[in-house]
Amino acid sequence: MPNILLEFSMTPIGKGESVSKYVARSLKIIDKSGLDYRVNPMGTVIEGEWDEVFSVVKKCLETMRKDCNRISTAIKVDYRKGDAGRINKKVESLEKKLKKTLKK
């Protein structure tokens, strides 16, 4: 399966207003995966093969469910045939059209 961009957010329910300690554990998993990723205020984008990126999401869920009884997960997938490196190319294309650097 070709490269995809997968954006996801995973939030434990019932763990209070700040859940950054749970998100941080997921980010360790994502970082160790070796896949290219970008963190944003509402989630994380990972680029890789279908099985690779979904394996990372599964590991994040398995880690979070150890001490969270309910977890809300949102996943969005962008597939484009034969195109890798889009995690940077998409933003660079916009910057070129706008003739300015966007906030990251």
Protein backbone atom coordinates (compact mmCIF):
# COMPACT_ATOMS: atom_id res chain seq x y z
CA MET A 1 0.00 0.00 0.00
CA PRO A 2 1.40 3.43 -0.92
CA ASN A 3 2.21 6.21 1.49
CA ILE A 4 -0.64 7.86 3.34
CA LEU A 5 -1.02 10.76 5.70
CA LEU A 6 -2.93 9.83 8.82
CA GLU A 7 -4.08 12.46 11.29
CA PHE A 8 -5.40 11.31 14.62
CA SER A 9 -6.23 12.47 18.09
CA MET A 10 -6.75 10.17 21.04
CA THR A 11 -8.27 11.52 24.24
CA PRO A 12 -9.01 9.67 27.46
CA ILE A 13 -12.47 10.42 28.85
CA GLY A 14 -12.91 11.10 32.55
CA LYS A 15 -9.28 12.01 33.23
CA GLY A 16 -9.80 15.73 33.83
CA GLU A 17 -9.20 18.84 31.76
CA SER A 18 -5.50 18.30 31.10
CA VAL A 19 -4.61 15.00 29.46
CA SER A 20 -1.11 15.91 28.29
CA LYS A 21 0.51 13.11 30.32
CA TYR A 22 -1.49 10.57 28.29
CA VAL A 23 -0.76 12.32 25.00
CA ALA A 24 2.94 12.43 25.88
CA ARG A 25 3.00 8.63 26.17
CA SER A 26 1.52 8.37 22.69
CA LEU A 27 4.10 10.80 21.34
CA LYS A 28 6.89 8.59 22.67
CA ILE A 29 5.42 5.69 20.70
CA ILE A 30 5.08 7.81 17.56
CA ASP A 31 8.63 9.14 17.87
CA LYS A 32 10.09 5.65 18.39
CA SER A 33 8.28 4.40 15.27
CA GLY A 34 10.74 6.24 13.04
CA LEU A 35 7.89 7.53 10.86
CA ASP A 36 7.78 11.18 9.87
CA TYR A 37 5.21 13.07 11.97
CA ARG A 38 4.00 16.53 12.90
CA VAL A 39 2.26 17.48 16.12
CA ASN A 40 -0.40 20.18 16.07
CA PRO A 41 -2.65 21.53 18.83
CA MET A 42 -5.51 19.20 17.86
CA GLY A 43 -3.69 15.98 16.96
CA THR A 44 -0.76 14.38 15.18
CA VAL A 45 -0.11 13.67 11.50
CA ILE A 46 1.95 10.58 10.61
CA GLU A 47 3.22 9.65 7.15
CA GLY A 48 3.98 6.09 6.09
CA GLU A 49 2.60 2.86 4.74
CA TRP A 50 -0.96 1.90 5.74
CA ASP A 51 0.04 -0.95 8.06
CA GLU A 52 2.84 1.10 9.66
CA VAL A 53 0.72 4.10 10.60
CA PHE A 54 -2.21 2.02 11.83
CA SER A 55 0.19 -0.10 13.89
CA VAL A 56 1.34 3.09 15.62
CA VAL A 57 -2.25 4.12 16.33
CA LYS A 58 -2.97 0.66 17.74
CA LYS A 59 0.07 0.84 20.05
CA CYS A 60 -1.06 4.25 21.28
CA LEU A 61 -4.53 2.87 22.04
CA GLU A 62 -3.13 -0.20 23.79
CA THR A 63 -0.92 1.99 25.98
CA MET A 64 -3.69 4.44 26.84
CA ARG A 65 -6.24 1.74 27.66
CA LYS A 66 -3.99 0.35 30.42
CA ASP A 67 -5.29 3.04 32.76
CA CYS A 68 -8.14 4.68 30.83
CA ASN A 69 -11.54 3.02 30.70
CA ARG A 70 -12.88 5.18 27.86
CA ILE A 71 -10.98 6.75 24.95
CA SER A 72 -12.23 8.98 22.15
CA THR A 73 -10.28 8.62 18.88
CA ALA A 74 -10.64 10.58 15.65
CA ILE A 75 -8.76 9.41 12.53
CA LYS A 76 -8.49 11.03 9.11
CA VAL A 77 -6.57 9.38 6.23
CA ASP A 78 -5.30 11.00 3.02
CA TYR A 79 -4.17 8.62 0.26
CA ARG A 80 -2.57 9.83 -2.94
CA LYS A 81 -1.14 7.38 -5.44
CA GLY A 82 2.62 7.42 -5.84
CA ASP A 83 3.37 10.44 -3.72
CA ALA A 84 5.59 10.34 -0.65
CA GLY A 85 6.91 13.20 1.46
CA ARG A 86 3.60 15.02 1.45
CA ILE A 87 3.83 15.81 5.14
CA ASN A 88 6.13 18.67 4.05
CA LYS A 89 5.13 19.12 0.41
CA LYS A 90 1.54 20.11 1.19
CA VAL A 91 2.59 23.03 3.37
CA GLU A 92 5.43 24.02 1.04
CA SER A 93 2.98 24.16 -1.88
CA LEU A 94 0.73 26.54 0.04
CA GLU A 95 3.67 28.71 1.08
CA LYS A 96 4.79 28.95 -2.55
CA LYS A 97 1.33 30.01 -3.70
CA LEU A 98 1.00 32.53 -0.87
CA LYS A 99 4.63 33.69 -1.22
CA LYS A 100 5.10 33.57 2.51
CA THR A 101 6.09 31.22 5.31
CA LEU A 102 3.15 29.87 7.29
CA LYS A 103 3.13 29.45 11.06
CA LYS A 104 4.01 25.93 12.16
